[in-house]
Amino acid sequence: MTDGWELPADLAEQARRFHADGGVPVTPRRAATVVLLRDGAHGPEAFLVRRAASMAFASGMYAFPGGAVDPRDGEASPGWRGPSAAEWVRLLGLGSDAASDPDVASADAEAARAVVSAAVREVFEEAGVLLAGPVAGAPVGEVTGDDWAAARLSLVEHRAGLAELLAGRDLVVRSDLLRGWARWITPEFEPRRYDAFFFVAELPPGQRAREVGGEADRAAWMRPEDAVSGYDAGALAMLPPTVSMLAALRGFRCAADILAVSHEPLRPVTPRVVWAGSGGRLVV
């Protein structure tokens, strides 16, 4: 993994055509991904789902719950506990050069709030885990009942936004449960590009992660060491950001030790293609 990732033949050809034709990169869409962690018998475990073969993006790949920032994530401000949206601007590396302008600073804070809200929404939609709670006290506990299933479906079907869902239950976003870990931008030759923010969070007590989003055909808790070994052996297909995240999580004693690590402010990583013979590799 230290020398990059070999490009499949079709992607290598796509990259060649893009560069030969002087292609113009697509503007990346912001996205948020959450690496849920729990302590297992032999150290921390991460929650992974295998994306269904029918999915247009990363089908058959093991991934973490996540997805693109939705317009609703920035339309309304949910209640909040933990680092403020303005502080998340710094933590996520979203600050603009013109941040001294109040309008720009406000736009940066709105963007940061939308990314964090998307992280909370996506992990609830896809894994049934809600990183929220009352203004004071512990995070919300078990969220598997029929009423919660209906609430989750309202998010999936865009009939409600996160702010509306939480306000109706007197809950707020627990941004203090999230830690920014990495930021990856899809290579320039790809027609579908994301500016993806990766967070880590420990599974709240009383909650249970499972595949509920309909986008995956398998879900499993895995030690990062085992997941990386499965990737190296060709048994688990993953995109570079996923396996890189897992590789970085190896060797920790417990989930709390992972959450104590700071990678903030996040620095964007955009893999590039290097050519060797008839093939290409992605390197960072």
C-alpha atoms as a PDB file:
ATOM      1  CA  MET A   1       0.000   0.000   0.000  1.00  0.00           C
ATOM      2  CA  THR A   2       2.927   2.367   0.443  1.00  0.00           C
ATOM      3  CA  ASP A   3       3.516   2.600  -3.321  1.00  0.00           C
ATOM      4  CA  GLY A   4      -0.077   3.379  -4.217  1.00  0.00           C
ATOM      5  CA  TRP A   5      -2.942   1.438  -5.731  1.00  0.00           C
ATOM      6  CA  GLU A   6      -2.977  -0.228  -9.120  1.00  0.00           C
ATOM      7  CA  LEU A   7      -5.665   1.130 -11.422  1.00  0.00           C
ATOM      8  CA  PRO A   8      -7.990  -1.397 -13.068  1.00  0.00           C
ATOM      9  CA  ALA A   9      -7.594  -1.435 -16.845  1.00  0.00           C
ATOM     10  CA  ASP A  10     -10.843   0.455 -17.483  1.00  0.00           C
ATOM     11  CA  LEU A  11      -9.944   3.229 -15.048  1.00  0.00           C
ATOM     12  CA  ALA A  12      -6.431   3.461 -16.435  1.00  0.00           C
ATOM     13  CA  GLU A  13      -7.864   3.906 -19.934  1.00  0.00           C
ATOM     14  CA  GLN A  14     -10.308   6.501 -18.618  1.00  0.00           C
ATOM     15  CA  ALA A  15      -7.444   8.428 -17.021  1.00  0.00           C
ATOM     16  CA  ARG A  16      -5.393   8.276 -20.231  1.00  0.00           C
ATOM     17  CA  ARG A  17      -8.274   9.635 -22.308  1.00  0.00           C
ATOM     18  CA  PHE A  18      -8.951  12.394 -19.784  1.00  0.00           C
ATOM     19  CA  HIS A  19      -5.374  13.651 -19.853  1.00  0.00           C
ATOM     20  CA  ALA A  20      -4.924  13.173 -23.608  1.00  0.00           C
ATOM     21  CA  ASP A  21      -8.077  15.145 -24.351  1.00  0.00           C
ATOM     22  CA  GLY A  22      -7.254  17.926 -21.894  1.00  0.00           C
ATOM     23  CA  GLY A  23     -10.268  17.069 -19.774  1.00  0.00           C
ATOM     24  CA  VAL A  24     -11.721  19.579 -17.328  1.00  0.00           C
ATOM     25  CA  PRO A  25     -12.191  18.146 -13.812  1.00  0.00           C
ATOM     26  CA  VAL A  26     -15.725  17.999 -12.447  1.00  0.00           C
ATOM     27  CA  THR A  27     -16.254  20.105  -9.334  1.00  0.00           C
ATOM     28  CA  PRO A  28     -16.264  17.710  -6.370  1.00  0.00           C
ATOM     29  CA  ARG A  29     -19.417  17.425  -4.304  1.00  0.00           C
ATOM     30  CA  ARG A  30     -18.936  17.558  -0.537  1.00  0.00           C
ATOM     31  CA  ALA A  31     -19.579  14.313   1.318  1.00  0.00           C
ATOM     32  CA  ALA A  32     -19.301  12.986   4.857  1.00  0.00           C
ATOM     33  CA  THR A  33     -18.320   9.511   6.029  1.00  0.00           C
ATOM     34  CA  VAL A  34     -18.330   8.126   9.571  1.00  0.00           C
ATOM     35  CA  VAL A  35     -16.082   5.339  10.820  1.00  0.00           C
ATOM     36  CA  LEU A  36     -18.075   3.873  13.696  1.00  0.00           C
ATOM     37  CA  LEU A  37     -15.873   2.240  16.336  1.00  0.00           C
ATOM     38  CA  ARG A  38     -16.448  -0.128  19.216  1.00  0.00           C
ATOM     39  CA  ASP A  39     -14.147  -2.036  21.555  1.00  0.00           C
ATOM     40  CA  GLY A  40     -13.985  -5.749  20.787  1.00  0.00           C
ATOM     41  CA  ALA A  41     -12.272  -8.623  22.578  1.00  0.00           C
ATOM     42  CA  HIS A  42      -9.029  -7.968  20.693  1.00  0.00           C
ATOM     43  CA  GLY A  43      -9.074  -4.227  20.286  1.00  0.00           C
ATOM     44  CA  PRO A  44     -11.088  -1.620  18.378  1.00  0.00           C
ATOM     45  CA  GLU A  45     -13.436  -2.711  15.594  1.00  0.00           C
ATOM     46  CA  ALA A  46     -14.813  -0.629  12.717  1.00  0.00           C
ATOM     47  CA  PHE A  47     -18.251  -0.974  11.148  1.00  0.00           C
ATOM     48  CA  LEU A  48     -18.144  -1.730   7.410  1.00  0.00           C
ATOM     49  CA  VAL A  49     -20.832  -2.324   4.811  1.00  0.00           C
ATOM     50  CA  ARG A  50     -20.463  -3.894   1.374  1.00  0.00           C
ATOM     51  CA  ARG A  51     -22.171  -1.749  -1.226  1.00  0.00           C
ATOM     52  CA  ALA A  52     -24.708  -3.642  -3.310  1.00  0.00           C
ATOM     53  CA  ALA A  53     -23.858  -4.592  -6.886  1.00  0.00           C
ATOM     54  CA  SER A  54     -26.741  -2.409  -8.068  1.00  0.00           C
ATOM     55  CA  MET A  55     -25.146   0.788  -6.735  1.00  0.00           C
ATOM     56  CA  ALA A  56     -23.816   3.229  -9.340  1.00  0.00           C
ATOM     57  CA  PHE A  57     -20.841   4.209  -7.187  1.00  0.00           C
ATOM     58  CA  ALA A  58     -18.353   1.760  -5.618  1.00  0.00           C
ATOM     59  CA  SER A  59     -20.566  -1.293  -6.114  1.00  0.00           C
ATOM     60  CA  GLY A  60     -19.229  -4.420  -4.407  1.00  0.00           C
ATOM     61  CA  MET A  61     -16.808  -2.352  -2.323  1.00  0.00           C
ATOM     62  CA  TYR A  62     -16.562  -2.390   1.454  1.00  0.00           C
ATOM     63  CA  ALA A  63     -17.060   1.103   2.819  1.00  0.00           C
ATOM     64  CA  PHE A  64     -18.113   3.097   5.859  1.00  0.00           C
ATOM     65  CA  PRO A  65     -21.566   4.683   6.189  1.00  0.00           C
ATOM     66  CA  GLY A  66     -21.617   8.004   4.400  1.00  0.00           C
ATOM     67  CA  GLY A  67     -22.770   9.989   1.424  1.00  0.00           C
ATOM     68  CA  ALA A  68     -23.051  13.376  -0.226  1.00  0.00           C
ATOM     69  CA  VAL A  69     -24.081  16.502   1.625  1.00  0.00           C
ATOM     70  CA  ASP A  70     -27.749  17.138   0.871  1.00  0.00           C
ATOM     71  CA  PRO A  71     -29.148  20.679   0.423  1.00  0.00           C
ATOM     72  CA  ARG A  72     -31.364  20.068   3.466  1.00  0.00           C
ATOM     73  CA  ASP A  73     -28.231  19.644   5.610  1.00  0.00           C
ATOM     74  CA  GLY A  74     -27.531  23.360   5.220  1.00  0.00           C
ATOM     75  CA  GLU A  75     -31.046  24.738   5.000  1.00  0.00           C
ATOM     76  CA  ALA A  76     -31.834  24.687   8.702  1.00  0.00           C
ATOM     77  CA  SER A  77     -29.642  24.810  11.790  1.00  0.00           C
ATOM     78  CA  PRO A  78     -30.233  21.897  14.158  1.00  0.00           C
ATOM     79  CA  GLY A  79     -29.685  22.285  17.863  1.00  0.00           C
ATOM     80  CA  TRP A  80     -26.035  21.773  18.646  1.00  0.00           C
ATOM     81  CA  ARG A  81     -23.779  20.496  21.422  1.00  0.00           C
ATOM     82  CA  GLY A  82     -20.010  20.367  21.100  1.00  0.00           C
ATOM     83  CA  PRO A  83     -17.661  22.370  18.879  1.00  0.00           C
ATOM     84  CA  SER A  84     -19.581  25.145  17.158  1.00  0.00           C
ATOM     85  CA  ALA A  85     -19.994  25.416  13.396  1.00  0.00           C
ATOM     86  CA  ALA A  86     -17.385  28.193  13.433  1.00  0.00           C
ATOM     87  CA  GLU A  87     -14.935  25.893  15.245  1.00  0.00           C
ATOM     88  CA  TRP A  88     -15.653  23.093  12.768  1.00  0.00           C
ATOM     89  CA  VAL A  89     -14.596  25.471   9.990  1.00  0.00           C
ATOM     90  CA  ARG A  90     -11.101  25.326  11.464  1.00  0.00           C
ATOM     91  CA  LEU A  91     -11.199  21.631  12.351  1.00  0.00           C
ATOM     92  CA  LEU A  92     -12.271  20.619   8.835  1.00  0.00           C
ATOM     93  CA  GLY A  93      -9.924  23.015   7.062  1.00  0.00           C
ATOM     94  CA  LEU A  94     -12.800  24.864   5.391  1.00  0.00           C
ATOM     95  CA  GLY A  95     -11.701  28.413   6.188  1.00  0.00           C
ATOM     96  CA  SER A  96     -11.596  30.809   3.240  1.00  0.00           C
ATOM     97  CA  ASP A  97      -8.790  33.273   2.545  1.00  0.00           C
ATOM     98  CA  ALA A  98     -11.430  35.981   2.831  1.00  0.00           C
ATOM     99  CA  ALA A  99     -12.767  34.721   6.158  1.00  0.00           C
ATOM    100  CA  SER A 100     -12.400  38.206   7.680  1.00  0.00           C
ATOM    101  CA  ASP A 101     -15.430  39.183   5.598  1.00  0.00           C
ATOM    102  CA  PRO A 102     -18.499  38.474   7.786  1.00  0.00           C
ATOM    103  CA  ASP A 103     -20.468  37.121   4.837  1.00  0.00           C
ATOM    104  CA  VAL A 104     -17.668  34.725   3.902  1.00  0.00           C
ATOM    105  CA  ALA A 105     -17.235  33.607   7.517  1.00  0.00           C
ATOM    106  CA  SER A 106     -20.970  32.935   7.719  1.00  0.00           C
ATOM    107  CA  ALA A 107     -20.864  30.894   4.503  1.00  0.00           C
ATOM    108  CA  ASP A 108     -17.897  28.891   5.826  1.00  0.00           C
ATOM    109  CA  ALA A 109     -19.771  28.153   9.071  1.00  0.00           C
ATOM    110  CA  GLU A 110     -22.843  27.069   7.112  1.00  0.00           C
ATOM    111  CA  ALA A 111     -20.694  24.723   4.996  1.00  0.00           C
ATOM    112  CA  ALA A 112     -19.092  23.197   8.093  1.00  0.00           C
ATOM    113  CA  ARG A 113     -22.471  22.759   9.786  1.00  0.00           C
ATOM    114  CA  ALA A 114     -23.803  21.057   6.662  1.00  0.00           C
ATOM    115  CA  VAL A 115     -20.867  18.603   6.561  1.00  0.00           C
ATOM    116  CA  VAL A 116     -21.252  17.660  10.244  1.00  0.00           C
ATOM    117  CA  SER A 117     -25.031  17.394   9.862  1.00  0.00           C
ATOM    118  CA  ALA A 118     -24.547  15.165   6.810  1.00  0.00           C
ATOM    119  CA  ALA A 119     -22.280  12.890   8.848  1.00  0.00           C
ATOM    120  CA  VAL A 120     -24.922  12.529  11.562  1.00  0.00           C
ATOM    121  CA  ARG A 121     -27.727  12.051   9.038  1.00  0.00           C
ATOM    122  CA  GLU A 122     -25.881   9.504   6.880  1.00  0.00           C
ATOM    123  CA  VAL A 123     -24.832   7.260   9.753  1.00  0.00           C
ATOM    124  CA  PHE A 124     -28.421   7.249  11.006  1.00  0.00           C
ATOM    125  CA  GLU A 125     -29.820   6.526   7.536  1.00  0.00           C
ATOM    126  CA  GLU A 126     -27.352   3.754   6.698  1.00  0.00           C
ATOM    127  CA  ALA A 127     -26.429   2.214  10.059  1.00  0.00           C
ATOM    128  CA  GLY A 128     -29.321   3.151  12.350  1.00  0.00           C
ATOM    129  CA  VAL A 129     -26.973   4.974  14.750  1.00  0.00           C
ATOM    130  CA  LEU A 130     -27.937   8.459  15.934  1.00  0.00           C
ATOM    131  CA  LEU A 131     -25.187  10.773  17.164  1.00  0.00           C
ATOM    132  CA  ALA A 132     -27.557  13.052  19.029  1.00  0.00           C
ATOM    133  CA  GLY A 133     -28.958  13.615  22.488  1.00  0.00           C
ATOM    134  CA  PRO A 134     -30.632  16.147  24.763  1.00  0.00           C
ATOM    135  CA  VAL A 135     -28.984  19.506  25.391  1.00  0.00           C
ATOM    136  CA  ALA A 136     -27.626  18.099  28.650  1.00  0.00           C
ATOM    137  CA  GLY A 137     -26.917  14.476  29.519  1.00  0.00           C
ATOM    138  CA  ALA A 138     -25.854  11.347  27.669  1.00  0.00           C
ATOM    139  CA  PRO A 139     -26.418  10.607  23.968  1.00  0.00           C
ATOM    140  CA  VAL A 140     -29.742   9.083  23.035  1.00  0.00           C
ATOM    141  CA  GLY A 141     -29.893   5.327  23.651  1.00  0.00           C
ATOM    142  CA  GLU A 142     -31.713   2.584  21.732  1.00  0.00           C
ATOM    143  CA  VAL A 143     -33.190   3.856  18.428  1.00  0.00           C
ATOM    144  CA  THR A 144     -34.537   0.666  16.823  1.00  0.00           C
ATOM    145  CA  GLY A 145     -38.279   0.998  17.474  1.00  0.00           C
ATOM    146  CA  ASP A 146     -40.959   1.522  14.835  1.00  0.00           C
ATOM    147  CA  ASP A 147     -41.139   5.269  15.517  1.00  0.00           C
ATOM    148  CA  TRP A 148     -37.403   5.617  14.916  1.00  0.00           C
ATOM    149  CA  ALA A 149     -37.641   3.508  11.770  1.00  0.00           C
ATOM    150  CA  ALA A 150     -40.315   5.864  10.459  1.00  0.00           C
ATOM    151  CA  ALA A 151     -38.178   8.875  11.347  1.00  0.00           C
ATOM    152  CA  ARG A 152     -35.179   7.401   9.563  1.00  0.00           C
ATOM    153  CA  LEU A 153     -37.274   6.659   6.481  1.00  0.00           C
ATOM    154  CA  SER A 154     -38.459  10.268   6.413  1.00  0.00           C
ATOM    155  CA  LEU A 155     -34.820  11.323   6.049  1.00  0.00           C
ATOM    156  CA  VAL A 156     -34.080   8.741   3.365  1.00  0.00           C
ATOM    157  CA  GLU A 157     -37.123   9.828   1.345  1.00  0.00           C
ATOM    158  CA  HIS A 158     -36.321  13.547   1.816  1.00  0.00           C
ATOM    159  CA  ARG A 159     -39.645  14.195   3.547  1.00  0.00           C
ATOM    160  CA  ALA A 160     -37.842  15.715   6.523  1.00  0.00           C
ATOM    161  CA  GLY A 161     -34.433  17.117   7.334  1.00  0.00           C
ATOM    162  CA  LEU A 162     -32.168  16.322  10.253  1.00  0.00           C
ATOM    163  CA  ALA A 163     -32.953  19.590  12.037  1.00  0.00           C
ATOM    164  CA  GLU A 164     -36.685  18.881  11.857  1.00  0.00           C
ATOM    165  CA  LEU A 165     -36.297  15.298  13.055  1.00  0.00           C
ATOM    166  CA  LEU A 166     -34.186  16.279  16.068  1.00  0.00           C
ATOM    167  CA  ALA A 167     -36.277  19.286  17.047  1.00  0.00           C
ATOM    168  CA  GLY A 168     -39.403  17.119  17.146  1.00  0.00           C
ATOM    169  CA  ARG A 169     -37.726  14.951  19.786  1.00  0.00           C
ATOM    170  CA  ASP A 170     -36.002  17.708  21.784  1.00  0.00           C
ATOM    171  CA  LEU A 171     -32.598  16.447  20.653  1.00  0.00           C
ATOM    172  CA  VAL A 172     -29.505  18.199  19.367  1.00  0.00           C
ATOM    173  CA  VAL A 173     -26.567  17.183  17.196  1.00  0.00           C
ATOM    174  CA  ARG A 174     -23.747  15.819  19.382  1.00  0.00           C
ATOM    175  CA  SER A 175     -20.850  17.201  17.374  1.00  0.00           C
ATOM    176  CA  ASP A 176     -18.587  16.400  20.325  1.00  0.00           C
ATOM    177  CA  LEU A 177     -18.989  12.689  19.502  1.00  0.00           C
ATOM    178  CA  LEU A 178     -17.250  13.188  16.136  1.00  0.00           C
ATOM    179  CA  ARG A 179     -13.572  13.660  15.357  1.00  0.00           C
ATOM    180  CA  GLY A 180     -12.325  14.714  11.951  1.00  0.00           C
ATOM    181  CA  TRP A 181      -9.705  12.267  10.680  1.00  0.00           C
ATOM    182  CA  ALA A 182      -9.118  12.700   6.943  1.00  0.00           C
ATOM    183  CA  ARG A 183     -10.281  14.491   3.825  1.00  0.00           C
ATOM    184  CA  TRP A 184     -10.034  12.857   0.408  1.00  0.00           C
ATOM    185  CA  ILE A 185     -10.864  14.395  -2.963  1.00  0.00           C
ATOM    186  CA  THR A 186     -11.630  12.061  -5.880  1.00  0.00           C
ATOM    187  CA  PRO A 187      -8.953  12.056  -8.649  1.00  0.00           C
ATOM    188  CA  GLU A 188      -9.472  14.633 -11.407  1.00  0.00           C
ATOM    189  CA  PHE A 189     -10.179  12.112 -14.179  1.00  0.00           C
ATOM    190  CA  GLU A 190     -13.244  10.647 -12.468  1.00  0.00           C
ATOM    191  CA  PRO A 191     -16.646  11.848 -13.771  1.00  0.00           C
ATOM    192  CA  ARG A 192     -18.182  11.476 -10.275  1.00  0.00           C
ATOM    193  CA  ARG A 193     -16.056  13.358  -7.747  1.00  0.00           C
ATOM    194  CA  TYR A 194     -16.387  13.940  -4.003  1.00  0.00           C
ATOM    195  CA  ASP A 195     -14.681  16.124  -1.442  1.00  0.00           C
ATOM    196  CA  ALA A 196     -15.148  13.582   1.332  1.00  0.00           C
ATOM    197  CA  PHE A 197     -14.645  14.302   5.024  1.00  0.00           C
ATOM    198  CA  PHE A 198     -13.944  11.217   7.143  1.00  0.00           C
ATOM    199  CA  PHE A 199     -14.937  11.256  10.808  1.00  0.00           C
ATOM    200  CA  VAL A 200     -14.437   8.718  13.583  1.00  0.00           C
ATOM    201  CA  ALA A 201     -17.035   8.171  16.330  1.00  0.00           C
ATOM    202  CA  GLU A 202     -17.572   5.570  19.028  1.00  0.00           C
ATOM    203  CA  LEU A 203     -20.857   3.655  18.978  1.00  0.00           C
ATOM    204  CA  PRO A 204     -23.036   5.288  21.684  1.00  0.00           C
ATOM    205  CA  PRO A 205     -24.006   3.007  24.601  1.00  0.00           C
ATOM    206  CA  GLY A 206     -27.307   1.235  24.050  1.00  0.00           C
ATOM    207  CA  GLN A 207     -27.262   1.649  20.277  1.00  0.00           C
ATOM    208  CA  ARG A 208     -26.707  -1.047  17.645  1.00  0.00           C
ATOM    209  CA  ALA A 209     -25.235  -0.603  14.185  1.00  0.00           C
ATOM    210  CA  ARG A 210     -26.734  -2.608  11.343  1.00  0.00           C
ATOM    211  CA  GLU A 211     -27.361  -2.206   7.602  1.00  0.00           C
ATOM    212  CA  VAL A 212     -30.681  -0.409   7.214  1.00  0.00           C
ATOM    213  CA  GLY A 213     -30.132   1.928   4.286  1.00  0.00           C
ATOM    214  CA  GLY A 214     -30.800  -0.521   1.473  1.00  0.00           C
ATOM    215  CA  GLU A 215     -27.551   0.339  -0.294  1.00  0.00           C
ATOM    216  CA  ALA A 216     -25.516  -2.598   1.010  1.00  0.00           C
ATOM    217  CA  ASP A 217     -25.804  -6.378   1.000  1.00  0.00           C
ATOM    218  CA  ARG A 218     -23.578  -7.068   4.002  1.00  0.00           C
ATOM    219  CA  ALA A 219     -22.522  -5.375   7.223  1.00  0.00           C
ATOM    220  CA  ALA A 220     -19.812  -6.430   9.654  1.00  0.00           C
ATOM    221  CA  TRP A 221     -17.640  -5.234  12.504  1.00  0.00           C
ATOM    222  CA  MET A 222     -13.959  -5.850  11.712  1.00  0.00           C
ATOM    223  CA  ARG A 223     -10.654  -5.171  13.371  1.00  0.00           C
ATOM    224  CA  PRO A 224      -8.758  -2.709  11.149  1.00  0.00           C
ATOM    225  CA  GLU A 225      -5.886  -5.204  11.022  1.00  0.00           C
ATOM    226  CA  ASP A 226      -8.167  -7.959   9.705  1.00  0.00           C
ATOM    227  CA  ALA A 227      -9.854  -5.688   7.172  1.00  0.00           C
ATOM    228  CA  VAL A 228      -6.518  -4.530   5.750  1.00  0.00           C
ATOM    229  CA  SER A 229      -5.273  -8.127   5.606  1.00  0.00           C
ATOM    230  CA  GLY A 230      -8.447  -9.063   3.722  1.00  0.00           C
ATOM    231  CA  TYR A 231      -7.826  -6.244   1.263  1.00  0.00           C
ATOM    232  CA  ASP A 232      -4.183  -7.257   0.749  1.00  0.00           C
ATOM    233  CA  ALA A 233      -5.277 -10.856   0.126  1.00  0.00           C
ATOM    234  CA  GLY A 234      -7.831  -9.766  -2.463  1.00  0.00           C
ATOM    235  CA  ALA A 235     -10.782 -10.943  -0.357  1.00  0.00           C
ATOM    236  CA  LEU A 236     -12.198  -7.490   0.457  1.00  0.00           C
ATOM    237  CA  ALA A 237     -12.547  -4.850  -2.261  1.00  0.00           C
ATOM    238  CA  MET A 238     -12.108  -1.266  -1.062  1.00  0.00           C
ATOM    239  CA  LEU A 239     -11.436   2.163  -2.477  1.00  0.00           C
ATOM    240  CA  PRO A 240      -8.119   3.798  -1.498  1.00  0.00           C
ATOM    241  CA  PRO A 241      -9.580   6.137   1.161  1.00  0.00           C
ATOM    242  CA  THR A 242     -11.266   3.217   2.950  1.00  0.00           C
ATOM    243  CA  VAL A 243      -8.235   0.991   3.161  1.00  0.00           C
ATOM    244  CA  SER A 244      -6.042   3.978   4.065  1.00  0.00           C
ATOM    245  CA  MET A 245      -8.364   4.854   6.940  1.00  0.00           C
ATOM    246  CA  LEU A 246      -8.294   1.280   8.189  1.00  0.00           C
ATOM    247  CA  ALA A 247      -4.516   1.115   7.913  1.00  0.00           C
ATOM    248  CA  ALA A 248      -4.243   4.279  10.017  1.00  0.00           C
ATOM    249  CA  LEU A 249      -6.488   2.761  12.706  1.00  0.00           C
ATOM    250  CA  ARG A 250      -4.321  -0.317  13.267  1.00  0.00           C
ATOM    251  CA  GLY A 251      -2.441  -0.801  16.495  1.00  0.00           C
ATOM    252  CA  PHE A 252      -4.640   1.200  18.865  1.00  0.00           C
ATOM    253  CA  ARG A 253      -5.517  -0.273  22.249  1.00  0.00           C
ATOM    254  CA  CYS A 254      -9.111   0.984  22.343  1.00  0.00           C
ATOM    255  CA  ALA A 255     -11.578   3.285  20.600  1.00  0.00           C
ATOM    256  CA  ALA A 256     -10.928   6.063  23.134  1.00  0.00           C
ATOM    257  CA  ASP A 257      -7.269   6.146  22.088  1.00  0.00           C
ATOM    258  CA  ILE A 258      -8.321   6.652  18.466  1.00  0.00           C
ATOM    259  CA  LEU A 259     -10.651   9.489  19.414  1.00  0.00           C
ATOM    260  CA  ALA A 260      -7.824  11.152  21.336  1.00  0.00           C
ATOM    261  CA  VAL A 261      -5.758  11.562  18.154  1.00  0.00           C
ATOM    262  CA  SER A 262      -5.994  14.924  16.405  1.00  0.00           C
ATOM    263  CA  HIS A 263      -5.661  15.291  12.628  1.00  0.00           C
ATOM    264  CA  GLU A 264      -7.144  18.763  12.600  1.00  0.00           C
ATOM    265  CA  PRO A 265      -7.241  20.940  10.642  1.00  0.00           C
ATOM    266  CA  LEU A 266      -7.771  18.384   7.878  1.00  0.00           C
ATOM    267  CA  ARG A 267      -5.567  18.622   4.798  1.00  0.00           C
ATOM    268  CA  PRO A 268      -7.179  17.454   1.538  1.00  0.00           C
ATOM    269  CA  VAL A 269      -5.602  14.470  -0.213  1.00  0.00           C
ATOM    270  CA  THR A 270      -6.117  14.145  -3.982  1.00  0.00           C
ATOM    271  CA  PRO A 271      -4.569  10.967  -5.452  1.00  0.00           C
ATOM    272  CA  ARG A 272      -2.818  11.390  -8.799  1.00  0.00           C
ATOM    273  CA  VAL A 273      -1.955   8.888 -11.511  1.00  0.00           C
ATOM    274  CA  VAL A 274       1.597   7.763 -12.241  1.00  0.00           C
ATOM    275  CA  TRP A 275       2.306   5.539 -15.216  1.00  0.00           C
ATOM    276  CA  ALA A 276       4.524   2.461 -15.347  1.00  0.00           C
ATOM    277  CA  GLY A 277       4.576   0.513 -18.601  1.00  0.00           C
ATOM    278  CA  SER A 278       1.027  -0.070 -19.800  1.00  0.00           C
ATOM    279  CA  GLY A 279      -0.521   0.402 -16.379  1.00  0.00           C
ATOM    280  CA  GLY A 280      -1.160   3.193 -13.931  1.00  0.00           C
ATOM    281  CA  ARG A 281      -1.157   3.607 -10.165  1.00  0.00           C
ATOM    282  CA  LEU A 282      -2.825   6.067  -7.872  1.00  0.00           C
ATOM    283  CA  VAL A 283      -0.413   7.705  -5.445  1.00  0.00           C
ATOM    284  CA  VAL A 284      -0.791  10.393  -2.811  1.00  0.00           C
END
